[in-house]
Amino acid sequence: MNRIEIDNDHLIERYLDGRLSETESRRFEAYWIENPDLIRDLERGARLKSGLAGLRDRVGALGGSLVVESPPGGPTQVTAVIPCA
């Protein structure tokens, strides 16, 4: 188990929600014991990646763009453009 696997597989969120298998939980807990500061940093980062900021990062990782338009009085429009090829 490594930081990339933990982040990519959303292991912290799944662990906190009780959605890991018994084997995954044991591996995650062993990693947590060996690297407590790293896990806390990842958890803090996961919370900051929620909402539109997280969506913008995920769309950007696919080479796309996210535009949020929210004129006074609304409506708010969110447009994600992701390349197909």
N, C-alpha and C. Protein backbone atom coordinates (compact mmCIF):
# COMPACT_ATOMS: atom_id res chain seq x y z
N MET A 1 0.85 -1.17 0.00
CA MET A 1 0.00 0.00 0.00
C MET A 1 0.90 1.24 0.00
N ASN A 2 0.49 2.25 -0.79
CA ASN A 2 1.25 3.49 -0.83
C ASN A 2 0.30 4.67 -0.92
N ARG A 3 0.88 5.86 -0.91
CA ARG A 3 0.06 7.08 -0.91
C ARG A 3 -0.82 7.19 -2.15
N ILE A 4 -0.29 6.83 -3.30
CA ILE A 4 -1.07 6.93 -4.54
C ILE A 4 -2.27 5.98 -4.49
N GLU A 5 -2.04 4.76 -4.04
CA GLU A 5 -3.13 3.79 -3.92
C GLU A 5 -4.20 4.29 -2.96
N ILE A 6 -3.77 4.83 -1.83
CA ILE A 6 -4.72 5.34 -0.84
C ILE A 6 -5.55 6.46 -1.44
N ASP A 7 -4.92 7.38 -2.12
CA ASP A 7 -5.61 8.53 -2.70
C ASP A 7 -6.51 8.11 -3.86
N ASN A 8 -5.99 7.33 -4.79
CA ASN A 8 -6.75 6.93 -5.97
C ASN A 8 -7.95 6.06 -5.64
N ASP A 9 -7.82 5.21 -4.64
CA ASP A 9 -8.91 4.29 -4.29
C ASP A 9 -9.83 4.85 -3.20
N HIS A 10 -9.62 6.11 -2.81
CA HIS A 10 -10.45 6.76 -1.79
C HIS A 10 -10.52 5.93 -0.51
N LEU A 11 -9.39 5.33 -0.14
CA LEU A 11 -9.39 4.43 1.00
C LEU A 11 -9.76 5.12 2.30
N ILE A 12 -9.32 6.36 2.49
CA ILE A 12 -9.65 7.04 3.75
C ILE A 12 -11.16 7.22 3.87
N GLU A 13 -11.79 7.72 2.83
CA GLU A 13 -13.23 7.92 2.87
C GLU A 13 -13.97 6.60 3.06
N ARG A 14 -13.55 5.58 2.33
CA ARG A 14 -14.20 4.27 2.44
C ARG A 14 -13.98 3.66 3.82
N TYR A 15 -12.78 3.85 4.38
CA TYR A 15 -12.49 3.33 5.72
C TYR A 15 -13.39 4.02 6.75
N LEU A 16 -13.48 5.34 6.68
CA LEU A 16 -14.28 6.08 7.64
C LEU A 16 -15.76 5.74 7.52
N ASP A 17 -16.21 5.36 6.32
CA ASP A 17 -17.60 4.98 6.11
C ASP A 17 -17.86 3.50 6.35
N GLY A 18 -16.81 2.74 6.69
CA GLY A 18 -16.97 1.30 6.93
C GLY A 18 -17.22 0.51 5.66
N ARG A 19 -16.68 0.98 4.53
CA ARG A 19 -16.94 0.33 3.25
C ARG A 19 -15.74 -0.44 2.72
N LEU A 20 -14.77 -0.76 3.55
CA LEU A 20 -13.62 -1.57 3.11
C LEU A 20 -13.85 -3.02 3.49
N SER A 21 -13.30 -3.90 2.68
CA SER A 21 -13.35 -5.32 3.04
C SER A 21 -12.46 -5.53 4.26
N GLU A 22 -12.58 -6.68 4.88
CA GLU A 22 -11.76 -6.98 6.06
C GLU A 22 -10.26 -6.93 5.73
N THR A 23 -9.90 -7.47 4.58
CA THR A 23 -8.50 -7.46 4.15
C THR A 23 -8.01 -6.03 3.91
N GLU A 24 -8.81 -5.23 3.21
CA GLU A 24 -8.43 -3.84 2.96
C GLU A 24 -8.28 -3.08 4.28
N SER A 25 -9.20 -3.31 5.21
CA SER A 25 -9.14 -2.62 6.50
C SER A 25 -7.86 -2.96 7.25
N ARG A 26 -7.48 -4.24 7.26
CA ARG A 26 -6.24 -4.64 7.95
C ARG A 26 -5.02 -3.98 7.32
N ARG A 27 -4.95 -4.00 5.99
CA ARG A 27 -3.81 -3.36 5.30
C ARG A 27 -3.78 -1.86 5.56
N PHE A 28 -4.94 -1.23 5.52
CA PHE A 28 -5.01 0.21 5.75
C PHE A 28 -4.60 0.55 7.18
N GLU A 29 -5.10 -0.20 8.15
CA GLU A 29 -4.74 0.04 9.55
C GLU A 29 -3.26 -0.16 9.80
N ALA A 30 -2.65 -1.15 9.16
CA ALA A 30 -1.21 -1.37 9.30
C ALA A 30 -0.45 -0.19 8.72
N TYR A 31 -0.88 0.32 7.59
CA TYR A 31 -0.23 1.47 6.98
C TYR A 31 -0.40 2.70 7.86
N TRP A 32 -1.58 2.88 8.41
CA TRP A 32 -1.90 4.01 9.29
C TRP A 32 -0.94 4.02 10.49
N ILE A 33 -0.74 2.87 11.09
CA ILE A 33 0.14 2.77 12.26
C ILE A 33 1.58 3.15 11.89
N GLU A 34 2.03 2.74 10.72
CA GLU A 34 3.41 3.03 10.29
C GLU A 34 3.59 4.46 9.79
N ASN A 35 2.52 5.11 9.33
CA ASN A 35 2.61 6.44 8.70
C ASN A 35 1.49 7.37 9.17
N PRO A 36 1.35 7.62 10.45
CA PRO A 36 0.20 8.41 10.93
C PRO A 36 0.17 9.84 10.39
N ASP A 37 1.29 10.49 10.24
CA ASP A 37 1.29 11.87 9.73
C ASP A 37 0.85 11.93 8.28
N LEU A 38 1.30 10.99 7.49
CA LEU A 38 0.92 10.94 6.08
C LEU A 38 -0.59 10.75 5.94
N ILE A 39 -1.15 9.85 6.70
CA ILE A 39 -2.59 9.59 6.62
C ILE A 39 -3.38 10.83 7.01
N ARG A 40 -2.97 11.52 8.08
CA ARG A 40 -3.66 12.75 8.48
C ARG A 40 -3.60 13.79 7.37
N ASP A 41 -2.46 13.92 6.71
CA ASP A 41 -2.33 14.87 5.60
C ASP A 41 -3.28 14.51 4.45
N LEU A 42 -3.35 13.23 4.14
CA LEU A 42 -4.25 12.79 3.06
C LEU A 42 -5.70 13.04 3.41
N GLU A 43 -6.07 12.76 4.66
CA GLU A 43 -7.45 12.97 5.09
C GLU A 43 -7.80 14.45 5.00
N ARG A 44 -6.93 15.31 5.45
CA ARG A 44 -7.15 16.75 5.39
C ARG A 44 -7.31 17.18 3.93
N GLY A 45 -6.45 16.67 3.05
CA GLY A 45 -6.54 16.99 1.63
C GLY A 45 -7.82 16.51 1.00
N ALA A 46 -8.29 15.32 1.41
CA ALA A 46 -9.53 14.76 0.86
C ALA A 46 -10.70 15.66 1.20
N ARG A 47 -10.73 16.21 2.40
CA ARG A 47 -11.82 17.10 2.79
C ARG A 47 -11.78 18.40 1.99
N LEU A 48 -10.58 18.88 1.65
CA LEU A 48 -10.45 20.11 0.88
C LEU A 48 -10.81 19.90 -0.58
N LYS A 49 -10.83 18.66 -1.03
CA LYS A 49 -11.10 18.36 -2.43
C LYS A 49 -12.58 18.13 -2.71
N SER A 50 -13.44 18.50 -1.79
CA SER A 50 -14.86 18.28 -2.02
C SER A 50 -15.45 19.46 -2.78
N GLY A 51 -16.66 19.34 -3.17
CA GLY A 51 -17.36 20.43 -3.83
C GLY A 51 -16.80 20.77 -5.20
N LEU A 52 -16.96 22.03 -5.58
CA LEU A 52 -16.55 22.46 -6.91
C LEU A 52 -15.05 22.42 -7.10
N ALA A 53 -14.28 22.68 -6.05
CA ALA A 53 -12.81 22.62 -6.18
C ALA A 53 -12.37 21.21 -6.54
N GLY A 54 -12.95 20.21 -5.90
CA GLY A 54 -12.62 18.82 -6.22
C GLY A 54 -13.06 18.44 -7.62
N LEU A 55 -14.24 18.91 -8.01
CA LEU A 55 -14.74 18.64 -9.35
C LEU A 55 -13.83 19.28 -10.40
N ARG A 56 -13.39 20.50 -10.14
CA ARG A 56 -12.48 21.19 -11.08
C ARG A 56 -11.17 20.41 -11.23
N ASP A 57 -10.64 19.91 -10.11
CA ASP A 57 -9.40 19.12 -10.15
C ASP A 57 -9.59 17.84 -10.94
N ARG A 58 -10.71 17.14 -10.73
CA ARG A 58 -10.94 15.87 -11.42
C ARG A 58 -11.15 16.08 -12.92
N VAL A 59 -11.89 17.12 -13.28
CA VAL A 59 -12.09 17.42 -14.70
C VAL A 59 -10.76 17.83 -15.34
N GLY A 60 -9.97 18.64 -14.62
CA GLY A 60 -8.66 19.06 -15.12
C GLY A 60 -7.72 17.90 -15.32
N ALA A 61 -7.80 16.90 -14.45
CA ALA A 61 -6.94 15.73 -14.57
C ALA A 61 -7.25 14.95 -15.85
N LEU A 62 -8.44 15.12 -16.38
CA LEU A 62 -8.83 14.45 -17.63
C LEU A 62 -8.56 15.34 -18.85
N GLY A 63 -7.91 16.48 -18.61
CA GLY A 63 -7.61 17.39 -19.71
C GLY A 63 -8.76 18.31 -20.07
N GLY A 64 -9.74 18.39 -19.20
CA GLY A 64 -10.92 19.20 -19.47
C GLY A 64 -10.91 20.52 -18.71
N SER A 65 -12.03 21.20 -18.79
CA SER A 65 -12.18 22.47 -18.09
C SER A 65 -13.56 22.54 -17.44
N LEU A 66 -13.63 23.34 -16.39
CA LEU A 66 -14.89 23.52 -15.66
C LEU A 66 -15.15 25.01 -15.57
N VAL A 67 -16.34 25.42 -15.95
CA VAL A 67 -16.73 26.83 -15.88
C VAL A 67 -17.97 26.93 -15.01
N VAL A 68 -17.92 27.84 -14.04
CA VAL A 68 -19.07 28.09 -13.17
C VAL A 68 -19.52 29.52 -13.42
N GLU A 69 -20.78 29.66 -13.83
CA GLU A 69 -21.37 30.98 -14.04
C GLU A 69 -22.52 31.14 -13.06
N SER A 70 -22.47 32.22 -12.28
CA SER A 70 -23.49 32.44 -11.27
C SER A 70 -23.86 33.92 -11.22
N PRO A 71 -24.70 34.35 -12.16
CA PRO A 71 -25.07 35.76 -12.18
C PRO A 71 -25.98 36.11 -10.99
N PRO A 72 -25.99 37.37 -10.59
CA PRO A 72 -26.89 37.77 -9.50
C PRO A 72 -28.33 37.38 -9.82
N GLY A 73 -29.00 36.77 -8.90
CA GLY A 73 -30.37 36.32 -9.11
C GLY A 73 -30.47 34.95 -9.74
N GLY A 74 -29.31 34.39 -10.15
CA GLY A 74 -29.26 33.02 -10.67
C GLY A 74 -29.76 32.93 -12.08
N PRO A 75 -29.87 31.78 -12.64
CA PRO A 75 -29.46 30.51 -12.04
C PRO A 75 -27.95 30.28 -12.21
N THR A 76 -27.41 29.44 -11.36
CA THR A 76 -26.00 29.04 -11.46
C THR A 76 -25.90 27.92 -12.48
N GLN A 77 -24.90 28.04 -13.36
CA GLN A 77 -24.69 27.02 -14.38
C GLN A 77 -23.26 26.51 -14.27
N VAL A 78 -23.11 25.19 -14.21
CA VAL A 78 -21.79 24.55 -14.15
C VAL A 78 -21.64 23.75 -15.44
N THR A 79 -20.54 24.04 -16.17
CA THR A 79 -20.29 23.36 -17.44
C THR A 79 -18.93 22.68 -17.37
N ALA A 80 -18.90 21.39 -17.60
CA ALA A 80 -17.66 20.63 -17.67
C ALA A 80 -17.45 20.19 -19.11
N VAL A 81 -16.25 20.45 -19.63
CA VAL A 81 -15.91 20.03 -20.99
C VAL A 81 -14.73 19.08 -20.85
N ILE A 82 -14.94 17.83 -21.31
CA ILE A 82 -13.92 16.79 -21.21
C ILE A 82 -13.68 16.23 -22.60
N PRO A 83 -12.40 16.23 -23.05
CA PRO A 83 -12.13 15.70 -24.39
C PRO A 83 -12.44 14.20 -24.47
N CYS A 84 -12.97 13.81 -25.63
CA CYS A 84 -13.33 12.40 -25.83
C CYS A 84 -12.18 11.56 -26.36
N ALA A 85 -11.21 12.15 -27.00
CA ALA A 85 -10.13 11.38 -27.59
C ALA A 85 -8.79 11.97 -27.26
